[in-house]
Amino acid sequence: MNAALRALARGFMRVCFPQVRQLPAAQLAAWLADHSRQRPLLLDVRQPEEFAVSHLAGALRVDFSSRAEDVLKQVPPGQPIVCYCSAGWRSSLMARRLTRAGHGEVFNLEGSIFDWASEGRPLECNGQPAHEAHPFNWLGRLLLPRKVRASVASLRH
């Protein structure tokens, strides 16, 4: 059920953002493992509380509402960028903004952290391995398998 819903979400993002290049998790994993290629800057556009549960190793968290020009000040010219969020909406919007601002090589991590985590790919928290992802909302609880979904009770402070 989770996989079918995630596939539906991926299709929805492709329809809503046809101009954004979508990068499947397996392709990003291969890129990160290929030391002959320039490493992309991973931009996490989720909320601080989502990032605090887990994120991709080396990711830079930026506010979703950030102006593209302000984000691009942190990126060396020509460095590829891969944006991600929970399922892909916020990161596709950011990828579109960055592309429209003139950055040449911008991608959205297709399925974002939900696909990445669901496929068993590595996450971290404070430099240590993490095994859960923040569900973001009720829909995220449907999209994420229970084994990688941070419990709602543990997220309340």
C-alpha atoms as a PDB file:
ATOM      1  CA  MET A   1       0.000   0.000   0.000  1.00  0.00           C
ATOM      2  CA  ASN A   2       2.752   2.480   0.964  1.00  0.00           C
ATOM      3  CA  ALA A   3       4.692   1.773  -2.240  1.00  0.00           C
ATOM      4  CA  ALA A   4       1.614   2.266  -4.416  1.00  0.00           C
ATOM      5  CA  LEU A   5       0.824   5.578  -2.713  1.00  0.00           C
ATOM      6  CA  ARG A   6       4.424   6.747  -3.128  1.00  0.00           C
ATOM      7  CA  ALA A   7       4.280   5.831  -6.844  1.00  0.00           C
ATOM      8  CA  LEU A   8       1.078   7.860  -7.160  1.00  0.00           C
ATOM      9  CA  ALA A   9       2.765  10.810  -5.406  1.00  0.00           C
ATOM     10  CA  ARG A  10       5.766  10.587  -7.770  1.00  0.00           C
ATOM     11  CA  GLY A  11       3.427  10.670 -10.780  1.00  0.00           C
ATOM     12  CA  PHE A  12       1.559  13.634  -9.301  1.00  0.00           C
ATOM     13  CA  MET A  13       4.832  15.580  -8.899  1.00  0.00           C
ATOM     14  CA  ARG A  14       5.833  14.857 -12.492  1.00  0.00           C
ATOM     15  CA  VAL A  15       2.483  16.180 -13.735  1.00  0.00           C
ATOM     16  CA  CYS A  16       2.589  19.276 -11.508  1.00  0.00           C
ATOM     17  CA  PHE A  17       6.256  20.070 -12.198  1.00  0.00           C
ATOM     18  CA  PRO A  18       7.037  18.934 -15.764  1.00  0.00           C
ATOM     19  CA  GLN A  19       9.959  21.376 -16.017  1.00  0.00           C
ATOM     20  CA  VAL A  20      11.717  20.008 -12.896  1.00  0.00           C
ATOM     21  CA  ARG A  21      14.224  17.214 -13.446  1.00  0.00           C
ATOM     22  CA  GLN A  22      13.308  14.324 -11.146  1.00  0.00           C
ATOM     23  CA  LEU A  23      16.173  12.153  -9.880  1.00  0.00           C
ATOM     24  CA  PRO A  24      15.200   8.708  -8.537  1.00  0.00           C
ATOM     25  CA  ALA A  25      16.739   7.672  -5.219  1.00  0.00           C
ATOM     26  CA  ALA A  26      18.747   4.849  -6.818  1.00  0.00           C
ATOM     27  CA  GLN A  27      20.349   7.300  -9.254  1.00  0.00           C
ATOM     28  CA  LEU A  28      21.232   9.737  -6.464  1.00  0.00           C
ATOM     29  CA  ALA A  29      22.740   6.893  -4.426  1.00  0.00           C
ATOM     30  CA  ALA A  30      24.876   5.853  -7.425  1.00  0.00           C
ATOM     31  CA  TRP A  31      25.935   9.474  -7.985  1.00  0.00           C
ATOM     32  CA  LEU A  32      26.969   9.906  -4.350  1.00  0.00           C
ATOM     33  CA  ALA A  33      28.983   6.670  -4.537  1.00  0.00           C
ATOM     34  CA  ASP A  34      30.766   7.739  -7.742  1.00  0.00           C
ATOM     35  CA  HIS A  35      33.799   9.696  -6.583  1.00  0.00           C
ATOM     36  CA  SER A  36      34.700  10.621 -10.162  1.00  0.00           C
ATOM     37  CA  ARG A  37      31.642  12.914 -10.360  1.00  0.00           C
ATOM     38  CA  GLN A  38      31.231  16.251  -8.636  1.00  0.00           C
ATOM     39  CA  ARG A  39      29.158  15.743  -5.516  1.00  0.00           C
ATOM     40  CA  PRO A  40      25.825  17.547  -5.618  1.00  0.00           C
ATOM     41  CA  LEU A  41      24.773  19.927  -2.892  1.00  0.00           C
ATOM     42  CA  LEU A  42      21.870  18.274  -1.085  1.00  0.00           C
ATOM     43  CA  LEU A  43      19.287  20.879  -0.080  1.00  0.00           C
ATOM     44  CA  ASP A  44      16.762  19.807   2.537  1.00  0.00           C
ATOM     45  CA  VAL A  45      13.803  22.190   2.394  1.00  0.00           C
ATOM     46  CA  ARG A  46      11.856  20.662   5.287  1.00  0.00           C
ATOM     47  CA  GLN A  47      11.079  22.297   8.630  1.00  0.00           C
ATOM     48  CA  PRO A  48      13.741  22.233  11.376  1.00  0.00           C
ATOM     49  CA  GLU A  49      11.786  19.624  13.368  1.00  0.00           C
ATOM     50  CA  GLU A  50      11.697  17.314  10.343  1.00  0.00           C
ATOM     51  CA  PHE A  51      15.426  17.756   9.715  1.00  0.00           C
ATOM     52  CA  ALA A  52      16.138  17.089  13.406  1.00  0.00           C
ATOM     53  CA  VAL A  53      14.667  13.564  13.163  1.00  0.00           C
ATOM     54  CA  SER A  54      16.860  12.596  10.193  1.00  0.00           C
ATOM     55  CA  HIS A  55      18.257  13.811   6.882  1.00  0.00           C
ATOM     56  CA  LEU A  56      20.571  12.716   4.102  1.00  0.00           C
ATOM     57  CA  ALA A  57      24.240  12.827   5.065  1.00  0.00           C
ATOM     58  CA  GLY A  58      25.810  16.181   4.325  1.00  0.00           C
ATOM     59  CA  ALA A  59      22.512  17.900   3.530  1.00  0.00           C
ATOM     60  CA  LEU A  60      22.129  21.622   4.041  1.00  0.00           C
ATOM     61  CA  ARG A  61      18.742  22.644   5.450  1.00  0.00           C
ATOM     62  CA  VAL A  62      17.274  25.797   3.961  1.00  0.00           C
ATOM     63  CA  ASP A  63      13.936  27.387   4.675  1.00  0.00           C
ATOM     64  CA  PHE A  64      11.357  26.501   2.063  1.00  0.00           C
ATOM     65  CA  SER A  65      10.405  30.172   1.848  1.00  0.00           C
ATOM     66  CA  SER A  66      13.982  31.234   1.024  1.00  0.00           C
ATOM     67  CA  ARG A  67      14.481  33.269  -2.100  1.00  0.00           C
ATOM     68  CA  ALA A  68      16.370  31.413  -4.806  1.00  0.00           C
ATOM     69  CA  GLU A  69      18.979  34.161  -4.985  1.00  0.00           C
ATOM     70  CA  ASP A  70      19.722  33.794  -1.265  1.00  0.00           C
ATOM     71  CA  VAL A  71      20.053  30.014  -1.539  1.00  0.00           C
ATOM     72  CA  LEU A  72      22.316  30.287  -4.571  1.00  0.00           C
ATOM     73  CA  LYS A  73      24.731  32.530  -2.639  1.00  0.00           C
ATOM     74  CA  GLN A  74      25.647  29.351  -0.703  1.00  0.00           C
ATOM     75  CA  VAL A  75      26.319  27.312  -3.860  1.00  0.00           C
ATOM     76  CA  PRO A  76      29.522  27.445  -5.889  1.00  0.00           C
ATOM     77  CA  PRO A  77      28.749  28.227  -9.544  1.00  0.00           C
ATOM     78  CA  GLY A  78      28.244  25.051 -11.520  1.00  0.00           C
ATOM     79  CA  GLN A  79      27.756  22.771  -8.519  1.00  0.00           C
ATOM     80  CA  PRO A  80      24.818  20.446  -9.089  1.00  0.00           C
ATOM     81  CA  ILE A  81      21.944  20.752  -6.614  1.00  0.00           C
ATOM     82  CA  VAL A  82      19.526  18.055  -5.476  1.00  0.00           C
ATOM     83  CA  CYS A  83      16.562  19.330  -3.471  1.00  0.00           C
ATOM     84  CA  TYR A  84      14.423  17.129  -1.266  1.00  0.00           C
ATOM     85  CA  CYS A  85      11.640  17.375   1.296  1.00  0.00           C
ATOM     86  CA  SER A  86       9.213  14.707   2.520  1.00  0.00           C
ATOM     87  CA  ALA A  87       7.409  13.563  -0.629  1.00  0.00           C
ATOM     88  CA  GLY A  88       8.542  16.087  -3.239  1.00  0.00           C
ATOM     89  CA  TRP A  89       6.149  19.056  -3.354  1.00  0.00           C
ATOM     90  CA  ARG A  90       8.227  21.613  -1.453  1.00  0.00           C
ATOM     91  CA  SER A  91      11.484  20.460  -3.017  1.00  0.00           C
ATOM     92  CA  SER A  92      10.030  20.544  -6.547  1.00  0.00           C
ATOM     93  CA  LEU A  93       8.953  24.133  -5.914  1.00  0.00           C
ATOM     94  CA  MET A  94      12.450  24.996  -4.685  1.00  0.00           C
ATOM     95  CA  ALA A  95      14.087  23.211  -7.631  1.00  0.00           C
ATOM     96  CA  ARG A  96      11.865  25.163 -10.023  1.00  0.00           C
ATOM     97  CA  ARG A  97      12.783  28.439  -8.273  1.00  0.00           C
ATOM     98  CA  LEU A  98      16.509  27.681  -8.448  1.00  0.00           C
ATOM     99  CA  THR A  99      16.277  26.715 -12.118  1.00  0.00           C
ATOM    100  CA  ARG A 100      14.333  29.871 -12.957  1.00  0.00           C
ATOM    101  CA  ALA A 101      16.982  31.898 -11.093  1.00  0.00           C
ATOM    102  CA  GLY A 102      19.540  30.577 -13.569  1.00  0.00           C
ATOM    103  CA  HIS A 103      21.271  27.664 -11.852  1.00  0.00           C
ATOM    104  CA  GLY A 104      21.955  25.100 -14.550  1.00  0.00           C
ATOM    105  CA  GLU A 105      21.968  21.720 -12.863  1.00  0.00           C
ATOM    106  CA  VAL A 106      19.083  21.366 -10.407  1.00  0.00           C
ATOM    107  CA  PHE A 107      17.164  18.205  -9.574  1.00  0.00           C
ATOM    108  CA  ASN A 108      14.412  17.130  -7.238  1.00  0.00           C
ATOM    109  CA  LEU A 109      14.983  13.863  -5.388  1.00  0.00           C
ATOM    110  CA  GLU A 110      12.004  11.958  -6.748  1.00  0.00           C
ATOM    111  CA  GLY A 111       9.902  10.703  -3.851  1.00  0.00           C
ATOM    112  CA  SER A 112      12.194  12.723  -1.603  1.00  0.00           C
ATOM    113  CA  ILE A 113      13.145  11.405   1.837  1.00  0.00           C
ATOM    114  CA  PHE A 114      10.087   9.117   1.951  1.00  0.00           C
ATOM    115  CA  ASP A 115      11.361   7.059  -1.008  1.00  0.00           C
ATOM    116  CA  TRP A 116      14.979   7.298   0.155  1.00  0.00           C
ATOM    117  CA  ALA A 117      14.141   5.974   3.635  1.00  0.00           C
ATOM    118  CA  SER A 118      11.618   3.419   2.386  1.00  0.00           C
ATOM    119  CA  GLU A 119      14.293   1.926   0.136  1.00  0.00           C
ATOM    120  CA  GLY A 120      16.570   1.483   3.159  1.00  0.00           C
ATOM    121  CA  ARG A 121      19.061   4.144   2.102  1.00  0.00           C
ATOM    122  CA  PRO A 122      21.163   5.812   4.823  1.00  0.00           C
ATOM    123  CA  LEU A 123      19.900   8.661   6.960  1.00  0.00           C
ATOM    124  CA  GLU A 124      21.647  10.512   9.734  1.00  0.00           C
ATOM    125  CA  CYS A 125      20.909  12.630  12.768  1.00  0.00           C
ATOM    126  CA  ASN A 126      23.678  14.598  14.497  1.00  0.00           C
ATOM    127  CA  GLY A 127      26.276  12.716  12.485  1.00  0.00           C
ATOM    128  CA  GLN A 128      24.984   9.320  13.628  1.00  0.00           C
ATOM    129  CA  PRO A 129      22.983   6.763  11.626  1.00  0.00           C
ATOM    130  CA  ALA A 130      19.231   7.257  11.871  1.00  0.00           C
ATOM    131  CA  HIS A 131      16.504   4.798  10.929  1.00  0.00           C
ATOM    132  CA  GLU A 132      13.362   6.927  10.951  1.00  0.00           C
ATOM    133  CA  ALA A 133      11.951   9.845   8.991  1.00  0.00           C
ATOM    134  CA  HIS A 134       9.566  12.542  10.152  1.00  0.00           C
ATOM    135  CA  PRO A 135       6.114  11.802   8.655  1.00  0.00           C
ATOM    136  CA  PHE A 136       5.328  15.548   8.136  1.00  0.00           C
ATOM    137  CA  ASN A 137       1.540  15.073   8.305  1.00  0.00           C
ATOM    138  CA  TRP A 138      -1.278  12.506   8.114  1.00  0.00           C
ATOM    139  CA  LEU A 139      -0.484  11.785   4.468  1.00  0.00           C
ATOM    140  CA  GLY A 140       3.144  11.118   5.334  1.00  0.00           C
ATOM    141  CA  ARG A 141       1.995   8.527   7.832  1.00  0.00           C
ATOM    142  CA  LEU A 142       0.291   6.765   4.907  1.00  0.00           C
ATOM    143  CA  LEU A 143       3.267   7.117   2.552  1.00  0.00           C
ATOM    144  CA  LEU A 144       5.976   5.929   4.950  1.00  0.00           C
ATOM    145  CA  PRO A 145       6.249   2.311   6.029  1.00  0.00           C
ATOM    146  CA  ARG A 146       5.789   1.976   9.781  1.00  0.00           C
ATOM    147  CA  LYS A 147       9.374   0.686  10.198  1.00  0.00           C
ATOM    148  CA  VAL A 148      10.845   4.049   9.067  1.00  0.00           C
ATOM    149  CA  ARG A 149       8.140   6.406  10.334  1.00  0.00           C
ATOM    150  CA  ALA A 150       9.067   8.320  13.480  1.00  0.00           C
ATOM    151  CA  SER A 151       6.263   7.881  15.965  1.00  0.00           C
ATOM    152  CA  VAL A 152       4.063  10.906  16.443  1.00  0.00           C
ATOM    153  CA  ALA A 153       4.294  10.510  20.225  1.00  0.00           C
ATOM    154  CA  SER A 154       8.104  10.707  20.114  1.00  0.00           C
ATOM    155  CA  LEU A 155       7.914  13.937  18.082  1.00  0.00           C
ATOM    156  CA  ARG A 156       5.961  15.836  20.720  1.00  0.00           C
ATOM    157  CA  HIS A 157       8.229  17.755  23.049  1.00  0.00           C
END
